[in-house]
PDB file of all heavy atoms in Angstrom:
ATOM      1  N   TRP A   1      -1.598   3.376  -3.100  1.00  0.00           N
ATOM      2  CA  TRP A   1      -0.286   3.877  -3.016  1.00  0.00           C
ATOM      3  C   TRP A   1       0.685   2.837  -3.521  1.00  0.00           C
ATOM      4  O   TRP A   1       0.637   1.711  -2.977  1.00  0.00           O
ATOM      5  CB  TRP A   1       0.067   4.366  -1.569  1.00  0.00           C
ATOM      6  CG  TRP A   1      -0.581   5.614  -1.194  1.00  0.00           C
ATOM      7  CD1 TRP A   1      -1.822   5.674  -0.474  1.00  0.00           C
ATOM      8  CD2 TRP A   1      -0.257   7.012  -1.491  1.00  0.00           C
ATOM      9  NE1 TRP A   1      -2.122   7.083  -0.361  1.00  0.00           N
ATOM     10  CE2 TRP A   1      -1.211   7.870  -0.880  1.00  0.00           C
ATOM     11  CE3 TRP A   1       0.877   7.525  -2.170  1.00  0.00           C
ATOM     12  CZ2 TRP A   1      -1.068   9.259  -1.006  1.00  0.00           C
ATOM     13  CZ3 TRP A   1       1.013   8.945  -2.291  1.00  0.00           C
ATOM     14  CH2 TRP A   1       0.032   9.693  -1.685  1.00  0.00           C
ATOM     15  N   TYR A   2       1.526   3.148  -4.308  1.00  0.00           N
ATOM     16  CA  TYR A   2       2.611   2.351  -4.860  1.00  0.00           C
ATOM     17  C   TYR A   2       3.936   3.085  -4.543  1.00  0.00           C
ATOM     18  O   TYR A   2       4.029   4.244  -4.336  1.00  0.00           O
ATOM     19  CB  TYR A   2       2.476   2.046  -6.340  1.00  0.00           C
ATOM     20  CG  TYR A   2       1.311   1.273  -6.751  1.00  0.00           C
ATOM     21  CD1 TYR A   2       0.009   1.743  -6.689  1.00  0.00           C
ATOM     22  CD2 TYR A   2       1.480  -0.095  -7.201  1.00  0.00           C
ATOM     23  CE1 TYR A   2      -1.027   0.957  -7.052  1.00  0.00           C
ATOM     24  CE2 TYR A   2       0.455  -0.830  -7.560  1.00  0.00           C
ATOM     25  CZ  TYR A   2      -0.772  -0.333  -7.563  1.00  0.00           C
ATOM     26  OH  TYR A   2      -1.917  -1.045  -7.956  1.00  0.00           O
ATOM     27  N   ARG A   3       5.061   2.250  -4.624  1.00  0.00           N
ATOM     28  CA  ARG A   3       6.322   2.823  -4.363  1.00  0.00           C
ATOM     29  C   ARG A   3       7.372   2.163  -5.243  1.00  0.00           C
ATOM     30  O   ARG A   3       7.227   0.939  -5.631  1.00  0.00           O
ATOM     31  CB  ARG A   3       6.800   2.889  -2.850  1.00  0.00           C
ATOM     32  CG  ARG A   3       7.011   1.368  -2.331  1.00  0.00           C
ATOM     33  CD  ARG A   3       7.292   1.528  -0.834  1.00  0.00           C
ATOM     34  NE  ARG A   3       7.532   0.182  -0.221  1.00  0.00           N
ATOM     35  CZ  ARG A   3       7.682  -0.066   1.063  1.00  0.00           C
ATOM     36  NH1 ARG A   3       7.579   1.041   1.910  1.00  0.00           N
ATOM     37  NH2 ARG A   3       7.941  -1.271   1.546  1.00  0.00           N
ATOM     38  N   GLN A   4       8.390   2.925  -5.555  1.00  0.00           N
ATOM     39  CA  GLN A   4       9.587   2.270  -6.310  1.00  0.00           C
ATOM     40  C   GLN A   4      10.810   2.818  -5.711  1.00  0.00           C
ATOM     41  O   GLN A   4      11.149   4.021  -5.755  1.00  0.00           O
ATOM     42  CB  GLN A   4       9.353   2.774  -7.845  1.00  0.00           C
ATOM     43  CG  GLN A   4      10.432   2.112  -8.721  1.00  0.00           C
ATOM     44  CD  GLN A   4      10.129   2.210 -10.176  1.00  0.00           C
ATOM     45  OE1 GLN A   4       9.394   3.215 -10.575  1.00  0.00           O
ATOM     46  NE2 GLN A   4      10.581   1.343 -11.033  1.00  0.00           N
ATOM     47  N   ALA A   5      11.653   1.916  -5.342  1.00  0.00           N
ATOM     48  CA  ALA A   5      12.934   2.181  -4.704  1.00  0.00           C
ATOM     49  C   ALA A   5      13.970   2.031  -5.895  1.00  0.00           C
ATOM     50  O   ALA A   5      13.747   1.320  -6.854  1.00  0.00           O
ATOM     51  CB  ALA A   5      13.338   1.214  -3.605  1.00  0.00           C
ATOM     52  N   PRO A   6      15.100   2.633  -5.741  1.00  0.00           N
ATOM     53  CA  PRO A   6      16.240   2.540  -6.775  1.00  0.00           C
ATOM     54  C   PRO A   6      16.545   1.074  -7.011  1.00  0.00           C
ATOM     55  O   PRO A   6      16.741   0.335  -6.114  1.00  0.00           O
ATOM     56  CB  PRO A   6      17.342   3.349  -6.062  1.00  0.00           C
ATOM     57  CG  PRO A   6      16.717   4.301  -5.152  1.00  0.00           C
ATOM     58  CD  PRO A   6      15.513   3.515  -4.613  1.00  0.00           C
ATOM     59  N   GLY A   7      16.550   0.732  -8.326  1.00  0.00           N
ATOM     60  CA  GLY A   7      16.911  -0.534  -8.744  1.00  0.00           C
ATOM     61  C   GLY A   7      15.862  -1.555  -8.563  1.00  0.00           C
ATOM     62  O   GLY A   7      16.110  -2.756  -8.753  1.00  0.00           O
ATOM     63  N   LYS A   8      14.630  -1.213  -8.143  1.00  0.00           N
ATOM     64  CA  LYS A   8      13.464  -2.183  -7.826  1.00  0.00           C
ATOM     65  C   LYS A   8      12.344  -1.796  -8.752  1.00  0.00           C
ATOM     66  O   LYS A   8      12.155  -0.666  -9.157  1.00  0.00           O
ATOM     67  CB  LYS A   8      13.207  -2.260  -6.387  1.00  0.00           C
ATOM     68  CG  LYS A   8      14.342  -2.814  -5.567  1.00  0.00           C
ATOM     69  CD  LYS A   8      13.956  -2.805  -4.089  1.00  0.00           C
ATOM     70  CE  LYS A   8      14.982  -3.380  -3.195  1.00  0.00           C
ATOM     71  NZ  LYS A   8      14.509  -3.446  -1.769  1.00  0.00           N
ATOM     72  N   GLN A   9      11.495  -2.801  -8.805  1.00  0.00           N
ATOM     73  CA  GLN A   9      10.285  -2.416  -9.553  1.00  0.00           C
ATOM     74  C   GLN A   9       9.235  -1.764  -8.662  1.00  0.00           C
ATOM     75  O   GLN A   9       9.313  -1.816  -7.534  1.00  0.00           O
ATOM     76  CB  GLN A   9       9.620  -3.874 -10.132  1.00  0.00           C
ATOM     77  CG  GLN A   9       9.153  -4.792  -8.960  1.00  0.00           C
ATOM     78  CD  GLN A   9       8.736  -6.018  -9.568  1.00  0.00           C
ATOM     79  OE1 GLN A   9       9.086  -6.526 -10.649  1.00  0.00           O
ATOM     80  NE2 GLN A   9       7.811  -6.742  -8.863  1.00  0.00           N
ATOM     81  N   ARG A  10       8.245  -1.157  -9.245  1.00  0.00           N
ATOM     82  CA  ARG A  10       7.115  -0.551  -8.574  1.00  0.00           C
ATOM     83  C   ARG A  10       6.336  -1.606  -7.903  1.00  0.00           C
ATOM     84  O   ARG A  10       5.874  -2.582  -8.548  1.00  0.00           O
ATOM     85  CB  ARG A  10       6.416   0.359  -9.535  1.00  0.00           C
ATOM     86  CG  ARG A  10       5.314   1.246  -8.834  1.00  0.00           C
ATOM     87  CD  ARG A  10       4.613   2.211  -9.778  1.00  0.00           C
ATOM     88  NE  ARG A  10       5.553   3.224 -10.419  1.00  0.00           N
ATOM     89  CZ  ARG A  10       5.197   4.088 -11.189  1.00  0.00           C
ATOM     90  NH1 ARG A  10       3.965   4.318 -11.432  1.00  0.00           N
ATOM     91  NH2 ARG A  10       6.237   4.914 -11.697  1.00  0.00           N
ATOM     92  N   GLU A  11       5.957  -1.377  -6.632  1.00  0.00           N
ATOM     93  CA  GLU A  11       5.167  -2.362  -5.872  1.00  0.00           C
ATOM     94  C   GLU A  11       4.022  -1.688  -5.196  1.00  0.00           C
ATOM     95  O   GLU A  11       4.112  -0.510  -4.787  1.00  0.00           O
ATOM     96  CB  GLU A  11       5.986  -3.056  -4.861  1.00  0.00           C
ATOM     97  CG  GLU A  11       6.612  -2.137  -3.855  1.00  0.00           C
ATOM     98  CD  GLU A  11       7.582  -2.815  -2.858  1.00  0.00           C
ATOM     99  OE1 GLU A  11       7.811  -4.084  -3.032  1.00  0.00           O
ATOM    100  OE2 GLU A  11       8.003  -2.262  -1.761  1.00  0.00           O
ATOM    101  N   LEU A  12       2.988  -2.457  -4.937  1.00  0.00           N
ATOM    102  CA  LEU A  12       1.827  -1.928  -4.237  1.00  0.00           C
ATOM    103  C   LEU A  12       2.167  -1.862  -2.782  1.00  0.00           C
ATOM    104  O   LEU A  12       2.666  -2.758  -2.203  1.00  0.00           O
ATOM    105  CB  LEU A  12       0.674  -2.888  -4.448  1.00  0.00           C
ATOM    106  CG  LEU A  12      -0.620  -2.624  -3.647  1.00  0.00           C
ATOM    107  CD1 LEU A  12      -1.300  -1.353  -4.057  1.00  0.00           C
ATOM    108  CD2 LEU A  12      -1.593  -3.809  -3.679  1.00  0.00           C
ATOM    109  N   VAL A  13       1.769  -0.725  -2.205  1.00  0.00           N
ATOM    110  CA  VAL A  13       1.918  -0.509  -0.742  1.00  0.00           C
ATOM    111  C   VAL A  13       0.676  -0.681  -0.003  1.00  0.00           C
ATOM    112  O   VAL A  13       0.565  -1.471   0.909  1.00  0.00           O
ATOM    113  CB  VAL A  13       2.491   0.887  -0.431  1.00  0.00           C
ATOM    114  CG1 VAL A  13       2.620   1.103   1.101  1.00  0.00           C
ATOM    115  CG2 VAL A  13       3.879   1.134  -1.079  1.00  0.00           C
ATOM    116  N   ALA A  14      -0.425   0.005  -0.475  1.00  0.00           N
ATOM    117  CA  ALA A  14      -1.792  -0.140   0.116  1.00  0.00           C
ATOM    118  C   ALA A  14      -2.806   0.224  -0.904  1.00  0.00           C
ATOM    119  O   ALA A  14      -2.532   1.009  -1.854  1.00  0.00           O
ATOM    120  CB  ALA A  14      -1.794   0.733   1.369  1.00  0.00           C
ATOM    121  N   ARG A  15      -4.036  -0.293  -0.711  1.00  0.00           N
ATOM    122  CA  ARG A  15      -5.078   0.015  -1.626  1.00  0.00           C
ATOM    123  C   ARG A  15      -6.375   0.050  -0.937  1.00  0.00           C
ATOM    124  O   ARG A  15      -6.592  -0.740   0.070  1.00  0.00           O
ATOM    125  CB  ARG A  15      -5.093  -1.016  -2.689  1.00  0.00           C
ATOM    126  CG  ARG A  15      -6.026  -0.748  -3.833  1.00  0.00           C
ATOM    127  CD  ARG A  15      -5.758  -1.666  -4.994  1.00  0.00           C
ATOM    128  NE  ARG A  15      -6.434  -1.304  -6.246  1.00  0.00           N
ATOM    129  CZ  ARG A  15      -6.022  -0.304  -7.118  1.00  0.00           C
ATOM    130  NH1 ARG A  15      -4.762   0.172  -6.889  1.00  0.00           N
ATOM    131  NH2 ARG A  15      -6.663  -0.058  -8.178  1.00  0.00           N
ATOM    132  N   ILE A  16      -7.220   1.000  -1.241  1.00  0.00           N
ATOM    133  CA  ILE A  16      -8.498   1.068  -0.542  1.00  0.00           C
ATOM    134  C   ILE A  16      -9.643   1.122  -1.658  1.00  0.00           C
ATOM    135  O   ILE A  16      -9.540   1.887  -2.674  1.00  0.00           O
ATOM    136  CB  ILE A  16      -8.605   2.309   0.314  1.00  0.00           C
ATOM    137  CG1 ILE A  16      -9.936   2.330   1.083  1.00  0.00           C
ATOM    138  CG2 ILE A  16      -8.324   3.637  -0.433  1.00  0.00           C
ATOM    139  CD1 ILE A  16      -9.888   3.423   2.288  1.00  0.00           C
ATOM    140  N   THR A  17     -10.643   0.306  -1.530  1.00  0.00           N
ATOM    141  CA  THR A  17     -11.742   0.202  -2.653  1.00  0.00           C
ATOM    142  C   THR A  17     -12.640   1.479  -2.404  1.00  0.00           C
ATOM    143  O   THR A  17     -12.622   2.142  -1.334  1.00  0.00           O
ATOM    144  CB  THR A  17     -12.511  -1.061  -2.339  1.00  0.00           C
ATOM    145  OG1 THR A  17     -13.192  -1.089  -1.187  1.00  0.00           O
ATOM    146  CG2 THR A  17     -11.560  -2.248  -2.437  1.00  0.00           C
ATOM    147  N   SER A  18     -13.609   1.666  -3.321  1.00  0.00           N
ATOM    148  CA  SER A  18     -14.612   2.643  -3.203  1.00  0.00           C
ATOM    149  C   SER A  18     -15.508   2.406  -2.076  1.00  0.00           C
ATOM    150  O   SER A  18     -16.051   3.385  -1.433  1.00  0.00           O
ATOM    151  CB  SER A  18     -15.373   2.774  -4.441  1.00  0.00           C
ATOM    152  OG  SER A  18     -16.034   1.406  -4.740  1.00  0.00           O
ATOM    153  N   GLY A  19     -15.583   1.173  -1.540  1.00  0.00           N
ATOM    154  CA  GLY A  19     -16.392   0.931  -0.356  1.00  0.00           C
ATOM    155  C   GLY A  19     -15.695   1.140   1.045  1.00  0.00           C
ATOM    156  O   GLY A  19     -16.216   0.897   1.998  1.00  0.00           O
ATOM    157  N   GLY A  20     -14.295   1.400   0.892  1.00  0.00           N
ATOM    158  CA  GLY A  20     -13.570   1.641   2.137  1.00  0.00           C
ATOM    159  C   GLY A  20     -12.814   0.374   2.625  1.00  0.00           C
ATOM    160  O   GLY A  20     -12.184   0.482   3.766  1.00  0.00           O
ATOM    161  N   THR A  21     -12.715  -0.667   1.892  1.00  0.00           N
ATOM    162  CA  THR A  21     -11.979  -1.832   2.355  1.00  0.00           C
ATOM    163  C   THR A  21     -10.566  -1.696   1.970  1.00  0.00           C
ATOM    164  O   THR A  21     -10.190  -1.386   0.803  1.00  0.00           O
ATOM    165  CB  THR A  21     -12.517  -3.077   1.665  1.00  0.00           C
ATOM    166  OG1 THR A  21     -13.876  -3.278   2.005  1.00  0.00           O
ATOM    167  CG2 THR A  21     -11.717  -4.332   2.162  1.00  0.00           C
ATOM    168  N   ALA A  22      -9.578  -1.871   2.882  1.00  0.00           N
ATOM    169  CA  ALA A  22      -8.149  -1.612   2.685  1.00  0.00           C
ATOM    170  C   ALA A  22      -7.368  -2.868   2.766  1.00  0.00           C
ATOM    171  O   ALA A  22      -7.715  -3.778   3.561  1.00  0.00           O
ATOM    172  CB  ALA A  22      -7.676  -0.625   3.692  1.00  0.00           C
ATOM    173  N   ILE A  23      -6.301  -2.904   1.909  1.00  0.00           N
ATOM    174  CA  ILE A  23      -5.339  -3.976   1.950  1.00  0.00           C
ATOM    175  C   ILE A  23      -3.905  -3.480   2.017  1.00  0.00           C
ATOM    176  O   ILE A  23      -3.741  -2.381   1.543  1.00  0.00           O
ATOM    177  CB  ILE A  23      -5.546  -5.015   0.810  1.00  0.00           C
ATOM    178  CG1 ILE A  23      -5.334  -4.259  -0.618  1.00  0.00           C
ATOM    179  CG2 ILE A  23      -6.926  -5.669   0.877  1.00  0.00           C
ATOM    180  CD1 ILE A  23      -3.972  -4.422  -1.166  1.00  0.00           C
ATOM    181  N   TYR A  24      -3.029  -4.161   2.548  1.00  0.00           N
ATOM    182  CA  TYR A  24      -1.616  -3.706   2.699  1.00  0.00           C
ATOM    183  C   TYR A  24      -0.607  -4.738   2.302  1.00  0.00           C
ATOM    184  O   TYR A  24      -0.805  -5.921   2.524  1.00  0.00           O
ATOM    185  CB  TYR A  24      -1.442  -3.293   4.194  1.00  0.00           C
ATOM    186  CG  TYR A  24      -2.241  -2.180   4.711  1.00  0.00           C
ATOM    187  CD1 TYR A  24      -3.469  -2.459   5.358  1.00  0.00           C
ATOM    188  CD2 TYR A  24      -2.013  -0.825   4.521  1.00  0.00           C
ATOM    189  CE1 TYR A  24      -4.294  -1.494   5.765  1.00  0.00           C
ATOM    190  CE2 TYR A  24      -2.716   0.243   4.995  1.00  0.00           C
ATOM    191  CZ  TYR A  24      -3.958  -0.118   5.601  1.00  0.00           C
ATOM    192  OH  TYR A  24      -4.781   0.800   6.078  1.00  0.00           O
ATOM    193  N   GLN A  25       0.469  -4.359   1.864  1.00  0.00           N
ATOM    194  CA  GLN A  25       1.616  -5.192   1.667  1.00  0.00           C
ATOM    195  C   GLN A  25       2.100  -5.571   3.096  1.00  0.00           C
ATOM    196  O   GLN A  25       2.020  -4.778   4.049  1.00  0.00           O
ATOM    197  CB  GLN A  25       2.901  -4.346   0.998  1.00  0.00           C
ATOM    198  CG  GLN A  25       4.053  -5.083   0.670  1.00  0.00           C
ATOM    199  CD  GLN A  25       5.172  -4.297   0.418  1.00  0.00           C
ATOM    200  OE1 GLN A  25       6.109  -4.107   1.039  1.00  0.00           O
ATOM    201  NE2 GLN A  25       5.094  -3.691  -0.906  1.00  0.00           N
ATOM    202  N   ASP A  26       2.467  -6.854   3.129  1.00  0.00           N
ATOM    203  CA  ASP A  26       2.803  -7.362   4.496  1.00  0.00           C
ATOM    204  C   ASP A  26       3.906  -6.546   5.198  1.00  0.00           C
ATOM    205  O   ASP A  26       3.773  -6.499   6.411  1.00  0.00           O
ATOM    206  CB  ASP A  26       3.316  -8.828   4.313  1.00  0.00           C
ATOM    207  CG  ASP A  26       2.239  -9.826   4.110  1.00  0.00           C
ATOM    208  OD1 ASP A  26       1.080  -9.612   4.225  1.00  0.00           O
ATOM    209  OD2 ASP A  26       2.576 -10.897   3.557  1.00  0.00           O
ATOM    210  N   SER A  27       4.846  -6.078   4.485  1.00  0.00           N
ATOM    211  CA  SER A  27       5.891  -5.322   5.196  1.00  0.00           C
ATOM    212  C   SER A  27       5.482  -4.033   5.879  1.00  0.00           C
ATOM    213  O   SER A  27       6.212  -3.476   6.640  1.00  0.00           O
ATOM    214  CB  SER A  27       7.005  -4.999   4.168  1.00  0.00           C
ATOM    215  OG  SER A  27       6.638  -4.161   3.150  1.00  0.00           O
ATOM    216  N   VAL A  28       4.306  -3.465   5.542  1.00  0.00           N
ATOM    217  CA  VAL A  28       3.869  -2.219   6.095  1.00  0.00           C
ATOM    218  C   VAL A  28       2.637  -2.490   7.012  1.00  0.00           C
ATOM    219  O   VAL A  28       2.127  -1.503   7.615  1.00  0.00           O
ATOM    220  CB  VAL A  28       3.516  -1.240   5.049  1.00  0.00           C
ATOM    221  CG1 VAL A  28       4.703  -1.050   4.151  1.00  0.00           C
ATOM    222  CG2 VAL A  28       2.298  -1.525   4.294  1.00  0.00           C
ATOM    223  N   LYS A  29       2.233  -3.638   7.133  1.00  0.00           N
ATOM    224  CA  LYS A  29       0.978  -3.936   7.975  1.00  0.00           C
ATOM    225  C   LYS A  29       1.322  -3.454   9.395  1.00  0.00           C
ATOM    226  O   LYS A  29       2.343  -3.963   9.993  1.00  0.00           O
ATOM    227  CB  LYS A  29       0.535  -5.392   7.945  1.00  0.00           C
ATOM    228  CG  LYS A  29      -0.100  -5.734   6.601  1.00  0.00           C
ATOM    229  CD  LYS A  29      -0.510  -7.277   6.655  1.00  0.00           C
ATOM    230  CE  LYS A  29      -1.250  -7.577   5.432  1.00  0.00           C
ATOM    231  NZ  LYS A  29      -1.586  -9.119   5.377  1.00  0.00           N
ATOM    232  N   GLY A  30       0.482  -2.760  10.008  1.00  0.00           N
ATOM    233  CA  GLY A  30       0.597  -2.334  11.343  1.00  0.00           C
ATOM    234  C   GLY A  30       1.415  -1.016  11.573  1.00  0.00           C
ATOM    235  O   GLY A  30       1.416  -0.450  12.647  1.00  0.00           O
ATOM    236  N   ARG A  31       1.918  -0.528  10.418  1.00  0.00           N
ATOM    237  CA  ARG A  31       2.739   0.746  10.379  1.00  0.00           C
ATOM    238  C   ARG A  31       2.104   1.752   9.494  1.00  0.00           C
ATOM    239  O   ARG A  31       2.166   2.892   9.895  1.00  0.00           O
ATOM    240  CB  ARG A  31       4.147   0.394   9.924  1.00  0.00           C
ATOM    241  CG  ARG A  31       4.866  -0.553  10.813  1.00  0.00           C
ATOM    242  CD  ARG A  31       6.452  -0.584  10.465  1.00  0.00           C
ATOM    243  NE  ARG A  31       6.560  -1.040   9.079  1.00  0.00           N
ATOM    244  CZ  ARG A  31       7.208  -0.311   8.031  1.00  0.00           C
ATOM    245  NH1 ARG A  31       7.625   0.953   8.379  1.00  0.00           N
ATOM    246  NH2 ARG A  31       7.320  -0.776   6.889  1.00  0.00           N
ATOM    247  N   PHE A  32       1.488   1.361   8.422  1.00  0.00           N
ATOM    248  CA  PHE A  32       0.910   2.315   7.512  1.00  0.00           C
ATOM    249  C   PHE A  32      -0.659   2.139   7.528  1.00  0.00           C
ATOM    250  O   PHE A  32      -1.171   1.046   7.723  1.00  0.00           O
ATOM    251  CB  PHE A  32       1.318   1.932   6.032  1.00  0.00           C
ATOM    252  CG  PHE A  32       2.799   2.300   5.800  1.00  0.00           C
ATOM    253  CD1 PHE A  32       3.689   2.625   6.727  1.00  0.00           C
ATOM    254  CD2 PHE A  32       3.272   2.257   4.513  1.00  0.00           C
ATOM    255  CE1 PHE A  32       5.077   2.843   6.496  1.00  0.00           C
ATOM    256  CE2 PHE A  32       4.607   2.557   4.244  1.00  0.00           C
ATOM    257  CZ  PHE A  32       5.443   2.794   5.197  1.00  0.00           C
ATOM    258  N   THR A  33      -1.298   3.167   7.293  1.00  0.00           N
ATOM    259  CA  THR A  33      -2.733   3.335   7.197  1.00  0.00           C
ATOM    260  C   THR A  33      -3.198   4.147   6.045  1.00  0.00           C
ATOM    261  O   THR A  33      -2.807   5.363   5.975  1.00  0.00           O
ATOM    262  CB  THR A  33      -3.387   3.881   8.554  1.00  0.00           C
ATOM    263  OG1 THR A  33      -2.988   3.063   9.675  1.00  0.00           O
ATOM    264  CG2 THR A  33      -4.888   3.804   8.412  1.00  0.00           C
ATOM    265  N   ILE A  34      -3.989   3.530   5.189  1.00  0.00           N
ATOM    266  CA  ILE A  34      -4.496   4.303   3.993  1.00  0.00           C
ATOM    267  C   ILE A  34      -5.970   4.676   4.376  1.00  0.00           C
ATOM    268  O   ILE A  34      -6.642   3.926   4.973  1.00  0.00           O
ATOM    269  CB  ILE A  34      -4.567   3.396   2.751  1.00  0.00           C
ATOM    270  CG1 ILE A  34      -4.970   4.293   1.528  1.00  0.00           C
ATOM    271  CG2 ILE A  34      -5.364   2.121   2.840  1.00  0.00           C
ATOM    272  CD1 ILE A  34      -4.625   3.516   0.227  1.00  0.00           C
ATOM    273  N   SER A  35      -6.312   5.861   3.898  1.00  0.00           N
ATOM    274  CA  SER A  35      -7.742   6.343   4.287  1.00  0.00           C
ATOM    275  C   SER A  35      -8.053   7.230   3.061  1.00  0.00           C
ATOM    276  O   SER A  35      -7.196   7.681   2.287  1.00  0.00           O
ATOM    277  CB  SER A  35      -7.795   7.134   5.583  1.00  0.00           C
ATOM    278  OG  SER A  35      -6.888   8.248   5.558  1.00  0.00           O
ATOM    279  N   ARG A  36      -9.391   7.564   3.008  1.00  0.00           N
ATOM    280  CA  ARG A  36      -9.763   8.529   1.874  1.00  0.00           C
ATOM    281  C   ARG A  36     -10.941   9.338   2.487  1.00  0.00           C
ATOM    282  O   ARG A  36     -11.715   8.980   3.267  1.00  0.00           O
ATOM    283  CB  ARG A  36     -10.361   7.575   0.682  1.00  0.00           C
ATOM    284  CG  ARG A  36     -11.479   6.758   1.177  1.00  0.00           C
ATOM    285  CD  ARG A  36     -11.683   5.730  -0.098  1.00  0.00           C
ATOM    286  NE  ARG A  36     -12.119   6.322  -1.354  1.00  0.00           N
ATOM    287  CZ  ARG A  36     -12.097   5.784  -2.534  1.00  0.00           C
ATOM    288  NH1 ARG A  36     -11.734   4.562  -2.642  1.00  0.00           N
ATOM    289  NH2 ARG A  36     -12.421   6.447  -3.580  1.00  0.00           N
TER     290      ARG A  36
END
């Protein structure tokens, strides 16, 4: 999941590999959860 706010570049929010390993942008850690 990526996001783009007005006037800003697109940035990575969270990513999950085919094996289920997830990583998060620091600003959303503990608040957002990616799943598949």
